[in-house]
Amino acid sequence: MKKIQISVKKREKLGKGETRQLRNQEMVPCVMYGGEKNYHFYAHENLFKKIVYSPEVFLVELDIEGDKHKALMQEIQFHPVTDSITHIDFVETFTGKAVVTSIPIVLTGASIGVKNGGKMRQRRRYLKVKGLVENLPDKLEIDITKLDVNQVIKIGDLNYPNLEILDPHRSMIVSVVSSRVAMKGMEATDPDAVEAEGAVSEAAEGTSAEDETSES
């Protein structure tokens, strides 16, 4: 997992007035929990942009006026109008202690179904996992080379060493659905297969809808 250091300042006051004043100065109020006590601090918004506006997950070393802690970003709040960062929650991490975080999904390989004219649909771009901080990877790779038309990869199909996936196992991650190009190719070789292909495609779409409903 990639690492980054950020120097921050302690918050001496925690009232709404103090918080408003910090935000007016483009400072971001933060809290870190998960250890022996909670820490309240702040830093300029620019210092957090690399870890906020990135698909990657960083192990952050927070230097709180010389007091150093390792943490993972847990939750971000944005201003509803300006989209500026208004608050960040961090969870403190320790070697040998499991943490929960979301890791980005990276698809590898060229799908045979796409080569045959199908359309790839990716439903999830992150997975929530639990594991020791020293075992957390930068990304979770999924090989889609053998993924054919009307085939899907669900969370339950995946397995990563030293990680527990917490998302529902029935949820779909990626699929390849039929397209007109694929249908024409099938019609040229086997006209009777076109009708069956359409039925399978509808079934795959139905599964996707169920997954999305269960997750909402």
Protein backbone atom coordinates (compact mmCIF):
# COMPACT_ATOMS: atom_id res chain seq x y z
CA MET A 1 0.00 0.00 0.00
CA LYS A 2 1.25 3.46 -0.89
CA LYS A 3 2.28 5.77 1.92
CA ILE A 4 2.12 9.52 2.38
CA GLN A 5 3.09 11.90 5.18
CA ILE A 6 0.93 14.86 6.17
CA SER A 7 1.81 17.38 8.87
CA VAL A 8 -1.21 18.72 10.75
CA LYS A 9 -1.95 20.94 13.73
CA LYS A 10 -3.85 20.13 16.92
CA ARG A 11 -7.30 21.59 17.42
CA GLU A 12 -7.43 23.42 20.72
CA LYS A 13 -11.15 24.25 20.45
CA LEU A 14 -13.95 22.05 19.05
CA GLY A 15 -16.93 24.41 18.90
CA LYS A 16 -18.95 25.27 15.80
CA GLY A 17 -17.51 28.77 15.70
CA GLU A 18 -13.95 27.44 15.64
CA THR A 19 -14.86 24.92 12.96
CA ARG A 20 -16.45 27.63 10.81
CA GLN A 21 -13.39 29.82 11.19
CA LEU A 22 -11.07 27.00 10.08
CA ARG A 23 -13.17 26.31 7.00
CA ASN A 24 -13.19 30.00 6.10
CA GLN A 25 -9.38 29.76 6.02
CA GLU A 26 -9.58 26.70 3.71
CA MET A 27 -8.53 24.45 6.57
CA VAL A 28 -10.07 20.97 6.94
CA PRO A 29 -11.10 19.84 10.46
CA CYS A 30 -10.31 16.15 11.04
CA VAL A 31 -10.67 13.45 13.65
CA MET A 32 -8.74 10.21 14.10
CA TYR A 33 -10.20 7.38 16.17
CA GLY A 34 -9.49 3.69 16.70
CA GLY A 35 -6.66 4.05 19.20
CA GLU A 36 -6.48 4.77 22.91
CA LYS A 37 -8.07 8.18 22.36
CA ASN A 38 -9.46 10.39 19.64
CA TYR A 39 -7.32 13.09 18.06
CA HIS A 40 -8.70 16.32 16.61
CA PHE A 41 -6.56 18.28 14.17
CA TYR A 42 -6.61 20.29 10.96
CA ALA A 43 -4.56 21.18 7.89
CA HIS A 44 -4.98 23.12 4.67
CA GLU A 45 -7.26 21.51 2.10
CA ASN A 46 -4.45 21.27 -0.47
CA LEU A 47 -2.54 18.79 1.71
CA PHE A 48 -5.41 16.28 1.49
CA LYS A 49 -6.20 16.53 -2.21
CA LYS A 50 -3.78 13.77 -3.24
CA ILE A 51 -5.48 11.20 -1.01
CA VAL A 52 -9.04 12.45 -1.54
CA TYR A 53 -9.12 12.92 -5.32
CA SER A 54 -7.49 9.61 -6.16
CA PRO A 55 -8.75 6.06 -6.77
CA GLU A 56 -5.79 4.76 -4.77
CA VAL A 57 -5.76 4.01 -1.06
CA PHE A 58 -2.96 5.49 1.04
CA LEU A 59 -1.55 4.61 4.44
CA VAL A 60 -1.25 8.10 5.91
CA GLU A 61 1.41 9.03 8.44
CA LEU A 62 -0.08 11.93 10.36
CA ASP A 63 2.45 14.17 12.07
CA ILE A 64 0.43 15.97 14.75
CA GLU A 65 3.01 18.54 15.82
CA GLY A 66 5.66 15.86 16.26
CA ASP A 67 3.31 13.11 17.48
CA LYS A 68 3.20 10.59 14.61
CA HIS A 69 0.40 8.12 13.91
CA LYS A 70 -0.45 5.85 10.98
CA ALA A 71 -4.01 5.93 9.73
CA LEU A 72 -6.41 5.22 6.88
CA MET A 73 -8.89 7.73 5.57
CA GLN A 74 -12.36 6.50 6.50
CA GLU A 75 -14.95 9.13 5.56
CA ILE A 76 -14.96 12.46 3.72
CA GLN A 77 -17.53 15.24 3.81
CA PHE A 78 -17.89 17.84 1.05
CA HIS A 79 -19.65 21.21 0.87
CA PRO A 80 -22.96 20.72 -0.98
CA VAL A 81 -22.40 23.75 -3.23
CA THR A 82 -18.65 24.27 -3.65
CA ASP A 83 -17.58 20.59 -3.27
CA SER A 84 -14.72 21.71 -1.03
CA ILE A 85 -13.57 19.25 1.63
CA THR A 86 -15.27 20.09 4.93
CA HIS A 87 -14.27 17.17 7.20
CA ILE A 88 -12.24 13.95 7.15
CA ASP A 89 -12.40 10.96 9.49
CA PHE A 90 -9.31 8.79 9.90
CA VAL A 91 -8.99 5.44 11.63
CA GLU A 92 -5.69 4.77 13.41
CA THR A 93 -3.88 1.61 12.36
CA PHE A 94 -1.50 -0.68 14.21
CA THR A 95 0.72 -3.52 13.05
CA GLY A 96 -1.00 -6.84 13.78
CA LYS A 97 -4.46 -5.28 14.15
CA ALA A 98 -7.14 -5.81 11.50
CA VAL A 99 -8.81 -2.83 9.85
CA VAL A 100 -11.72 -2.38 7.46
CA THR A 101 -11.29 -0.30 4.32
CA SER A 102 -12.26 -0.11 0.65
CA ILE A 103 -9.71 -1.18 -1.98
CA PRO A 104 -10.04 -0.25 -5.69
CA ILE A 105 -10.76 -2.95 -8.27
CA VAL A 106 -8.52 -3.16 -11.34
CA LEU A 107 -9.60 -5.33 -14.28
CA THR A 108 -6.80 -7.07 -16.17
CA GLY A 109 -6.72 -8.91 -19.47
CA ALA A 110 -8.86 -8.60 -22.59
CA SER A 111 -12.28 -10.24 -22.28
CA ILE A 112 -13.04 -12.86 -24.93
CA GLY A 113 -16.67 -11.75 -24.79
CA VAL A 114 -15.74 -8.17 -25.66
CA LYS A 115 -13.55 -9.42 -28.50
CA ASN A 116 -16.62 -11.27 -29.81
CA GLY A 117 -18.67 -8.07 -29.82
CA GLY A 118 -20.15 -8.03 -26.32
CA LYS A 119 -20.32 -5.00 -24.04
CA MET A 120 -18.60 -4.98 -20.67
CA ARG A 121 -20.44 -3.55 -17.68
CA GLN A 122 -18.63 -2.90 -14.41
CA ARG A 123 -20.96 -2.53 -11.44
CA ARG A 124 -18.38 -2.10 -8.66
CA ARG A 125 -15.09 -0.27 -8.55
CA TYR A 126 -14.22 -0.87 -4.88
CA LEU A 127 -14.51 -3.77 -2.45
CA LYS A 128 -14.77 -3.43 1.32
CA VAL A 129 -12.24 -5.75 2.93
CA LYS A 130 -10.90 -6.60 6.36
CA GLY A 131 -7.28 -7.48 7.01
CA LEU A 132 -4.07 -6.58 8.77
CA VAL A 133 -2.80 -3.21 7.63
CA GLU A 134 0.51 -4.76 6.58
CA ASN A 135 -1.38 -7.13 4.23
CA LEU A 136 -3.55 -4.53 2.52
CA PRO A 137 -2.76 -4.23 -1.21
CA ASP A 138 -2.86 -1.11 -3.39
CA LYS A 139 -5.51 -2.69 -5.60
CA LEU A 140 -7.52 -5.87 -6.14
CA GLU A 141 -6.87 -7.32 -9.59
CA ILE A 142 -9.53 -9.34 -11.43
CA ASP A 143 -8.56 -11.21 -14.61
CA ILE A 144 -11.39 -10.96 -17.15
CA THR A 145 -9.59 -12.74 -20.00
CA LYS A 146 -11.97 -15.73 -19.98
CA LEU A 147 -15.14 -13.68 -19.38
CA ASP A 148 -17.42 -14.47 -22.33
CA VAL A 149 -20.71 -12.98 -23.50
CA ASN A 150 -23.43 -13.27 -20.81
CA GLN A 151 -21.00 -14.37 -18.14
CA VAL A 152 -20.55 -12.51 -14.87
CA ILE A 153 -18.01 -12.30 -12.07
CA LYS A 154 -19.52 -11.96 -8.61
CA ILE A 155 -17.87 -11.14 -5.33
CA GLY A 156 -18.29 -14.76 -4.24
CA ASP A 157 -16.04 -15.83 -7.13
CA LEU A 158 -13.08 -13.95 -5.69
CA ASN A 159 -10.48 -14.92 -3.15
CA TYR A 160 -7.49 -12.92 -1.96
CA PRO A 161 -4.89 -14.15 0.54
CA ASN A 162 -5.06 -12.68 4.04
CA LEU A 163 -8.18 -10.63 3.20
CA GLU A 164 -11.85 -11.05 4.09
CA ILE A 165 -14.30 -9.50 1.62
CA LEU A 166 -17.21 -7.93 3.51
CA ASP A 167 -19.51 -7.02 0.61
CA PRO A 168 -22.42 -9.36 -0.30
CA HIS A 169 -21.08 -12.39 -2.17
CA ARG A 170 -24.01 -12.45 -4.61
CA SER A 171 -23.28 -8.93 -5.83
CA MET A 172 -22.01 -8.67 -9.38
CA ILE A 173 -18.75 -6.89 -10.16
CA VAL A 174 -18.46 -7.15 -13.93
CA SER A 175 -20.32 -8.79 -16.79
CA VAL A 176 -20.28 -8.98 -20.58
CA VAL A 177 -23.70 -8.63 -22.17
CA SER A 178 -24.68 -9.37 -25.76
CA SER A 179 -24.74 -6.65 -28.38
CA ARG A 180 -25.94 -6.48 -31.97
CA VAL A 181 -22.44 -7.37 -33.17
CA ALA A 182 -22.39 -10.50 -31.05
CA MET A 183 -25.93 -11.43 -32.10
CA LYS A 184 -25.10 -11.10 -35.80
CA GLY A 185 -22.10 -13.33 -35.35
CA MET A 186 -24.22 -15.98 -33.65
CA GLU A 187 -26.93 -15.70 -36.28
CA ALA A 188 -24.40 -16.41 -39.02
CA THR A 189 -23.24 -19.59 -37.34
CA ASP A 190 -26.35 -20.81 -35.51
CA PRO A 191 -29.70 -19.02 -36.05
CA ASP A 192 -31.37 -21.10 -33.32
CA ALA A 193 -28.89 -19.76 -30.77
CA VAL A 194 -30.08 -16.17 -31.12
CA GLU A 195 -33.30 -16.74 -29.19
CA ALA A 196 -31.46 -18.59 -26.41
CA GLU A 197 -28.85 -15.83 -26.27
CA GLY A 198 -31.52 -13.21 -25.68
CA ALA A 199 -33.00 -15.21 -22.82
CA VAL A 200 -29.63 -15.56 -21.10
CA SER A 201 -28.98 -11.84 -21.49
CA GLU A 202 -32.29 -10.99 -19.82
CA ALA A 203 -31.46 -13.32 -16.96
CA ALA A 204 -28.10 -11.63 -16.45
CA GLU A 205 -29.74 -8.21 -16.40
CA GLY A 206 -32.25 -9.48 -13.85
CA THR A 207 -29.44 -10.61 -11.56
CA SER A 208 -27.84 -7.18 -11.84
CA ALA A 209 -31.06 -5.47 -10.87
CA GLU A 210 -31.47 -7.70 -7.82
CA ASP A 211 -27.90 -6.97 -6.73
CA GLU A 212 -28.33 -3.23 -7.06
CA THR A 213 -31.62 -3.34 -5.16
CA SER A 214 -30.13 -5.35 -2.31
CA GLU A 215 -27.22 -2.92 -2.00
CA SER A 216 -29.29 0.26 -2.01
